[in-house]
Amino acid sequence: MPKMKTHRGAAKRFKVTKNGKLKYRKSNRAHILTKKTTKRKRQLRGAAYIAAADTPRLKMLIPYK
């Protein structure tokens, strides 16, 4: 059986934590920030985690991480 290929787009966007959860950066925080409220920008700070139901599907995309 050949090695599986890593989905490069997913590898750049998700990181596997020690406990096996998938961590990602929230969107809408890159540019055009002047029209977004302070509350909205504050809530977009920090990392978020993929729901447990979606984790197995995404882990197939990054098999060796």
PDB file of N, CA and C in Angstrom:
ATOM      1  N   MET A   1       0.841  -1.181   0.000  1.00  0.00           N
ATOM      2  CA  MET A   1       0.000   0.000   0.000  1.00  0.00           C
ATOM      3  C   MET A   1       0.889   1.247   0.000  1.00  0.00           C
ATOM      4  N   PRO A   2       0.694   2.153  -0.942  1.00  0.00           N
ATOM      5  CA  PRO A   2       1.529   3.355  -0.951  1.00  0.00           C
ATOM      6  C   PRO A   2       1.163   4.298   0.192  1.00  0.00           C
ATOM      7  N   LYS A   3       2.081   5.209   0.443  1.00  0.00           N
ATOM      8  CA  LYS A   3       1.821   6.213   1.469  1.00  0.00           C
ATOM      9  C   LYS A   3       0.707   7.132   0.998  1.00  0.00           C
ATOM     10  N   MET A   4      -0.084   7.637   1.954  1.00  0.00           N
ATOM     11  CA  MET A   4      -1.138   8.603   1.618  1.00  0.00           C
ATOM     12  C   MET A   4      -0.520   9.973   1.435  1.00  0.00           C
ATOM     13  N   LYS A   5      -1.097  10.739   0.540  1.00  0.00           N
ATOM     14  CA  LYS A   5      -0.625  12.105   0.356  1.00  0.00           C
ATOM     15  C   LYS A   5      -1.354  13.033   1.317  1.00  0.00           C
ATOM     16  N   THR A   6      -0.606  13.982   1.852  1.00  0.00           N
ATOM     17  CA  THR A   6      -1.177  14.994   2.732  1.00  0.00           C
ATOM     18  C   THR A   6      -1.841  16.057   1.869  1.00  0.00           C
ATOM     19  N   HIS A   7      -3.022  16.479   2.256  1.00  0.00           N
ATOM     20  CA  HIS A   7      -3.704  17.582   1.576  1.00  0.00           C
ATOM     21  C   HIS A   7      -3.019  18.863   2.037  1.00  0.00           C
ATOM     22  N   ARG A   8      -2.263  19.488   1.129  1.00  0.00           N
ATOM     23  CA  ARG A   8      -1.416  20.609   1.523  1.00  0.00           C
ATOM     24  C   ARG A   8      -2.220  21.810   2.024  1.00  0.00           C
ATOM     25  N   GLY A   9      -3.394  22.030   1.468  1.00  0.00           N
ATOM     26  CA  GLY A   9      -4.228  23.138   1.931  1.00  0.00           C
ATOM     27  C   GLY A   9      -4.655  22.942   3.367  1.00  0.00           C
ATOM     28  N   ALA A  10      -5.032  21.714   3.711  1.00  0.00           N
ATOM     29  CA  ALA A  10      -5.443  21.408   5.084  1.00  0.00           C
ATOM     30  C   ALA A  10      -4.252  21.469   6.035  1.00  0.00           C
ATOM     31  N   ALA A  11      -3.091  21.015   5.578  1.00  0.00           N
ATOM     32  CA  ALA A  11      -1.895  21.021   6.425  1.00  0.00           C
ATOM     33  C   ALA A  11      -1.505  22.435   6.828  1.00  0.00           C
ATOM     34  N   LYS A  12      -1.769  23.400   5.952  1.00  0.00           N
ATOM     35  CA  LYS A  12      -1.427  24.786   6.246  1.00  0.00           C
ATOM     36  C   LYS A  12      -2.443  25.442   7.169  1.00  0.00           C
ATOM     37  N   ARG A  13      -3.651  24.903   7.220  1.00  0.00           N
ATOM     38  CA  ARG A  13      -4.722  25.553   7.973  1.00  0.00           C
ATOM     39  C   ARG A  13      -4.999  24.940   9.341  1.00  0.00           C
ATOM     40  N   PHE A  14      -4.669  23.672   9.526  1.00  0.00           N
ATOM     41  CA  PHE A  14      -5.000  22.988  10.770  1.00  0.00           C
ATOM     42  C   PHE A  14      -3.759  22.426  11.432  1.00  0.00           C
ATOM     43  N   LYS A  15      -3.789  22.412  12.763  1.00  0.00           N
ATOM     44  CA  LYS A  15      -2.694  21.851  13.542  1.00  0.00           C
ATOM     45  C   LYS A  15      -3.293  20.843  14.519  1.00  0.00           C
ATOM     46  N   VAL A  16      -2.670  19.680  14.644  1.00  0.00           N
ATOM     47  CA  VAL A  16      -3.166  18.658  15.556  1.00  0.00           C
ATOM     48  C   VAL A  16      -2.543  18.896  16.930  1.00  0.00           C
ATOM     49  N   THR A  17      -3.380  18.970  17.963  1.00  0.00           N
ATOM     50  CA  THR A  17      -2.881  19.187  19.318  1.00  0.00           C
ATOM     51  C   THR A  17      -2.432  17.854  19.917  1.00  0.00           C
ATOM     52  N   LYS A  18      -1.857  17.920  21.086  1.00  0.00           N
ATOM     53  CA  LYS A  18      -1.364  16.720  21.759  1.00  0.00           C
ATOM     54  C   LYS A  18      -2.488  15.713  22.016  1.00  0.00           C
ATOM     55  N   ASN A  19      -3.682  16.228  22.305  1.00  0.00           N
ATOM     56  CA  ASN A  19      -4.820  15.348  22.586  1.00  0.00           C
ATOM     57  C   ASN A  19      -5.550  14.885  21.335  1.00  0.00           C
ATOM     58  N   GLY A  20      -5.060  15.295  20.155  1.00  0.00           N
ATOM     59  CA  GLY A  20      -5.666  14.850  18.910  1.00  0.00           C
ATOM     60  C   GLY A  20      -6.763  15.747  18.369  1.00  0.00           C
ATOM     61  N   LYS A  21      -6.966  16.901  19.000  1.00  0.00           N
ATOM     62  CA  LYS A  21      -7.960  17.848  18.484  1.00  0.00           C
ATOM     63  C   LYS A  21      -7.325  18.647  17.348  1.00  0.00           C
ATOM     64  N   LEU A  22      -8.174  19.222  16.500  1.00  0.00           N
ATOM     65  CA  LEU A  22      -7.673  20.057  15.410  1.00  0.00           C
ATOM     66  C   LEU A  22      -7.924  21.520  15.726  1.00  0.00           C
ATOM     67  N   LYS A  23      -6.859  22.306  15.643  1.00  0.00           N
ATOM     68  CA  LYS A  23      -6.898  23.712  15.984  1.00  0.00           C
ATOM     69  C   LYS A  23      -6.764  24.514  14.693  1.00  0.00           C
ATOM     70  N   TYR A  24      -7.470  25.650  14.607  1.00  0.00           N
ATOM     71  CA  TYR A  24      -7.381  26.489  13.418  1.00  0.00           C
ATOM     72  C   TYR A  24      -7.528  27.956  13.779  1.00  0.00           C
ATOM     73  N   ARG A  25      -7.136  28.801  12.847  1.00  0.00           N
ATOM     74  CA  ARG A  25      -7.250  30.244  13.036  1.00  0.00           C
ATOM     75  C   ARG A  25      -8.584  30.704  12.468  1.00  0.00           C
ATOM     76  N   LYS A  26      -9.275  31.562  13.199  1.00  0.00           N
ATOM     77  CA  LYS A  26     -10.571  32.061  12.736  1.00  0.00           C
ATOM     78  C   LYS A  26     -10.396  32.988  11.541  1.00  0.00           C
ATOM     79  N   SER A  27     -11.396  33.008  10.684  1.00  0.00           N
ATOM     80  CA  SER A  27     -11.335  33.840   9.483  1.00  0.00           C
ATOM     81  C   SER A  27     -11.847  35.249   9.761  1.00  0.00           C
ATOM     82  N   ASN A  28     -11.764  36.106   8.758  1.00  0.00           N
ATOM     83  CA  ASN A  28     -12.229  37.503   8.793  1.00  0.00           C
ATOM     84  C   ASN A  28     -11.398  38.408   9.693  1.00  0.00           C
ATOM     85  N   ARG A  29     -10.138  38.109   9.883  1.00  0.00           N
ATOM     86  CA  ARG A  29      -9.290  38.924  10.740  1.00  0.00           C
ATOM     87  C   ARG A  29      -8.044  39.407   9.992  1.00  0.00           C
ATOM     88  N   ALA A  30      -8.054  39.341   8.657  1.00  0.00           N
ATOM     89  CA  ALA A  30      -6.854  39.661   7.892  1.00  0.00           C
ATOM     90  C   ALA A  30      -6.817  41.107   7.398  1.00  0.00           C
ATOM     91  N   HIS A  31      -7.894  41.595   6.823  1.00  0.00           N
ATOM     92  CA  HIS A  31      -7.893  42.953   6.274  1.00  0.00           C
ATOM     93  C   HIS A  31      -9.317  43.497   6.288  1.00  0.00           C
ATOM     94  N   ILE A  32      -9.476  44.746   5.885  1.00  0.00           N
ATOM     95  CA  ILE A  32     -10.750  45.472   5.951  1.00  0.00           C
ATOM     96  C   ILE A  32     -11.302  45.422   7.381  1.00  0.00           C
ATOM     97  N   LEU A  33     -10.455  45.837   8.318  1.00  0.00           N
ATOM     98  CA  LEU A  33     -10.828  45.752   9.730  1.00  0.00           C
ATOM     99  C   LEU A  33     -11.522  47.011  10.244  1.00  0.00           C
ATOM    100  N   THR A  34     -11.481  48.093   9.482  1.00  0.00           N
ATOM    101  CA  THR A  34     -12.039  49.354   9.988  1.00  0.00           C
ATOM    102  C   THR A  34     -13.554  49.299  10.110  1.00  0.00           C
ATOM    103  N   LYS A  35     -14.206  48.575   9.227  1.00  0.00           N
ATOM    104  CA  LYS A  35     -15.674  48.517   9.289  1.00  0.00           C
ATOM    105  C   LYS A  35     -16.195  47.448  10.249  1.00  0.00           C
ATOM    106  N   LYS A  36     -15.308  46.638  10.788  1.00  0.00           N
ATOM    107  CA  LYS A  36     -15.730  45.607  11.741  1.00  0.00           C
ATOM    108  C   LYS A  36     -15.685  46.181  13.148  1.00  0.00           C
ATOM    109  N   THR A  37     -16.665  45.813  13.951  1.00  0.00           N
ATOM    110  CA  THR A  37     -16.736  46.364  15.304  1.00  0.00           C
ATOM    111  C   THR A  37     -15.627  45.792  16.178  1.00  0.00           C
ATOM    112  N   THR A  38     -15.305  46.515  17.238  1.00  0.00           N
ATOM    113  CA  THR A  38     -14.277  46.076  18.171  1.00  0.00           C
ATOM    114  C   THR A  38     -14.654  44.741  18.785  1.00  0.00           C
ATOM    115  N   LYS A  39     -15.936  44.580  19.107  1.00  0.00           N
ATOM    116  CA  LYS A  39     -16.414  43.327  19.705  1.00  0.00           C
ATOM    117  C   LYS A  39     -16.188  42.150  18.751  1.00  0.00           C
ATOM    118  N   ARG A  40     -16.522  42.383  17.489  1.00  0.00           N
ATOM    119  CA  ARG A  40     -16.366  41.317  16.491  1.00  0.00           C
ATOM    120  C   ARG A  40     -14.901  40.926  16.324  1.00  0.00           C
ATOM    121  N   LYS A  41     -14.021  41.921  16.272  1.00  0.00           N
ATOM    122  CA  LYS A  41     -12.589  41.651  16.119  1.00  0.00           C
ATOM    123  C   LYS A  41     -12.029  40.937  17.348  1.00  0.00           C
ATOM    124  N   ARG A  42     -12.492  41.341  18.517  1.00  0.00           N
ATOM    125  CA  ARG A  42     -12.036  40.713  19.759  1.00  0.00           C
ATOM    126  C   ARG A  42     -12.434  39.243  19.798  1.00  0.00           C
ATOM    127  N   GLN A  43     -13.665  38.956  19.350  1.00  0.00           N
ATOM    128  CA  GLN A  43     -14.150  37.574  19.373  1.00  0.00           C
ATOM    129  C   GLN A  43     -13.463  36.690  18.332  1.00  0.00           C
ATOM    130  N   LEU A  44     -12.823  37.305  17.355  1.00  0.00           N
ATOM    131  CA  LEU A  44     -12.104  36.547  16.332  1.00  0.00           C
ATOM    132  C   LEU A  44     -10.661  36.257  16.736  1.00  0.00           C
ATOM    133  N   ARG A  45     -10.238  36.780  17.885  1.00  0.00           N
ATOM    134  CA  ARG A  45      -8.878  36.534  18.366  1.00  0.00           C
ATOM    135  C   ARG A  45      -8.713  35.091  18.811  1.00  0.00           C
ATOM    136  N   GLY A  46      -7.482  34.644  18.819  1.00  0.00           N
ATOM    137  CA  GLY A  46      -7.176  33.323  19.352  1.00  0.00           C
ATOM    138  C   GLY A  46      -7.588  32.208  18.417  1.00  0.00           C
ATOM    139  N   ALA A  47      -7.273  31.008  18.797  1.00  0.00           N
ATOM    140  CA  ALA A  47      -7.556  29.833  17.974  1.00  0.00           C
ATOM    141  C   ALA A  47      -8.899  29.237  18.341  1.00  0.00           C
ATOM    142  N   ALA A  48      -9.414  28.414  17.451  1.00  0.00           N
ATOM    143  CA  ALA A  48     -10.655  27.690  17.692  1.00  0.00           C
ATOM    144  C   ALA A  48     -10.401  26.221  17.401  1.00  0.00           C
ATOM    145  N   TYR A  49     -11.321  25.368  17.797  1.00  0.00           N
ATOM    146  CA  TYR A  49     -11.161  23.930  17.609  1.00  0.00           C
ATOM    147  C   TYR A  49     -12.278  23.381  16.738  1.00  0.00           C
ATOM    148  N   ILE A  50     -11.919  22.422  15.906  1.00  0.00           N
ATOM    149  CA  ILE A  50     -12.889  21.763  15.030  1.00  0.00           C
ATOM    150  C   ILE A  50     -13.814  20.906  15.891  1.00  0.00           C
ATOM    151  N   ALA A  51     -15.082  20.844  15.524  1.00  0.00           N
ATOM    152  CA  ALA A  51     -16.053  20.023  16.254  1.00  0.00           C
ATOM    153  C   ALA A  51     -15.628  18.550  16.202  1.00  0.00           C
ATOM    154  N   ALA A  52     -15.925  17.823  17.245  1.00  0.00           N
ATOM    155  CA  ALA A  52     -15.534  16.411  17.342  1.00  0.00           C
ATOM    156  C   ALA A  52     -16.100  15.583  16.190  1.00  0.00           C
ATOM    157  N   ALA A  53     -17.281  15.934  15.718  1.00  0.00           N
ATOM    158  CA  ALA A  53     -17.908  15.183  14.631  1.00  0.00           C
ATOM    159  C   ALA A  53     -17.154  15.341  13.310  1.00  0.00           C
ATOM    160  N   ASP A  54     -16.500  16.477  13.109  1.00  0.00           N
ATOM    161  CA  ASP A  54     -15.774  16.731  11.861  1.00  0.00           C
ATOM    162  C   ASP A  54     -14.318  16.289  11.902  1.00  0.00           C
ATOM    163  N   THR A  55     -13.802  16.018  13.074  1.00  0.00           N
ATOM    164  CA  THR A  55     -12.382  15.699  13.228  1.00  0.00           C
ATOM    165  C   THR A  55     -11.932  14.479  12.422  1.00  0.00           C
ATOM    166  N   PRO A  56     -12.645  13.335  12.431  1.00  0.00           N
ATOM    167  CA  PRO A  56     -12.158  12.175  11.672  1.00  0.00           C
ATOM    168  C   PRO A  56     -12.001  12.448  10.173  1.00  0.00           C
ATOM    169  N   ARG A  57     -12.924  13.205   9.599  1.00  0.00           N
ATOM    170  CA  ARG A  57     -12.834  13.520   8.166  1.00  0.00           C
ATOM    171  C   ARG A  57     -11.607  14.369   7.859  1.00  0.00           C
ATOM    172  N   LEU A  58     -11.337  15.347   8.721  1.00  0.00           N
ATOM    173  CA  LEU A  58     -10.192  16.219   8.488  1.00  0.00           C
ATOM    174  C   LEU A  58      -8.873  15.517   8.775  1.00  0.00           C
ATOM    175  N   LYS A  59      -8.876  14.580   9.698  1.00  0.00           N
ATOM    176  CA  LYS A  59      -7.642  13.849  10.005  1.00  0.00           C
ATOM    177  C   LYS A  59      -7.201  12.978   8.834  1.00  0.00           C
ATOM    178  N   MET A  60      -8.147  12.584   7.976  1.00  0.00           N
ATOM    179  CA  MET A  60      -7.781  11.824   6.776  1.00  0.00           C
ATOM    180  C   MET A  60      -6.977  12.689   5.813  1.00  0.00           C
ATOM    181  N   LEU A  61      -7.211  13.994   5.840  1.00  0.00           N
ATOM    182  CA  LEU A  61      -6.497  14.903   4.951  1.00  0.00           C
ATOM    183  C   LEU A  61      -5.065  15.137   5.415  1.00  0.00           C
ATOM    184  N   ILE A  62      -4.822  15.019   6.726  1.00  0.00           N
ATOM    185  CA  ILE A  62      -3.462  15.215   7.252  1.00  0.00           C
ATOM    186  C   ILE A  62      -3.066  13.973   8.063  1.00  0.00           C
ATOM    187  N   PRO A  63      -2.790  12.860   7.365  1.00  0.00           N
ATOM    188  CA  PRO A  63      -2.589  11.583   8.036  1.00  0.00           C
ATOM    189  C   PRO A  63      -1.344  11.472   8.891  1.00  0.00           C
ATOM    190  N   TYR A  64      -0.269  12.212   8.588  1.00  0.00           N
ATOM    191  CA  TYR A  64       0.982  12.011   9.308  1.00  0.00           C
ATOM    192  C   TYR A  64       1.323  13.123  10.269  1.00  0.00           C
ATOM    193  N   LYS A  65       0.340  13.924  10.662  1.00  0.00           N
ATOM    194  CA  LYS A  65       0.583  15.024  11.595  1.00  0.00           C
ATOM    195  C   LYS A  65       0.243  14.585  12.997  1.00  0.00           C
TER     196      LYS A  65
END
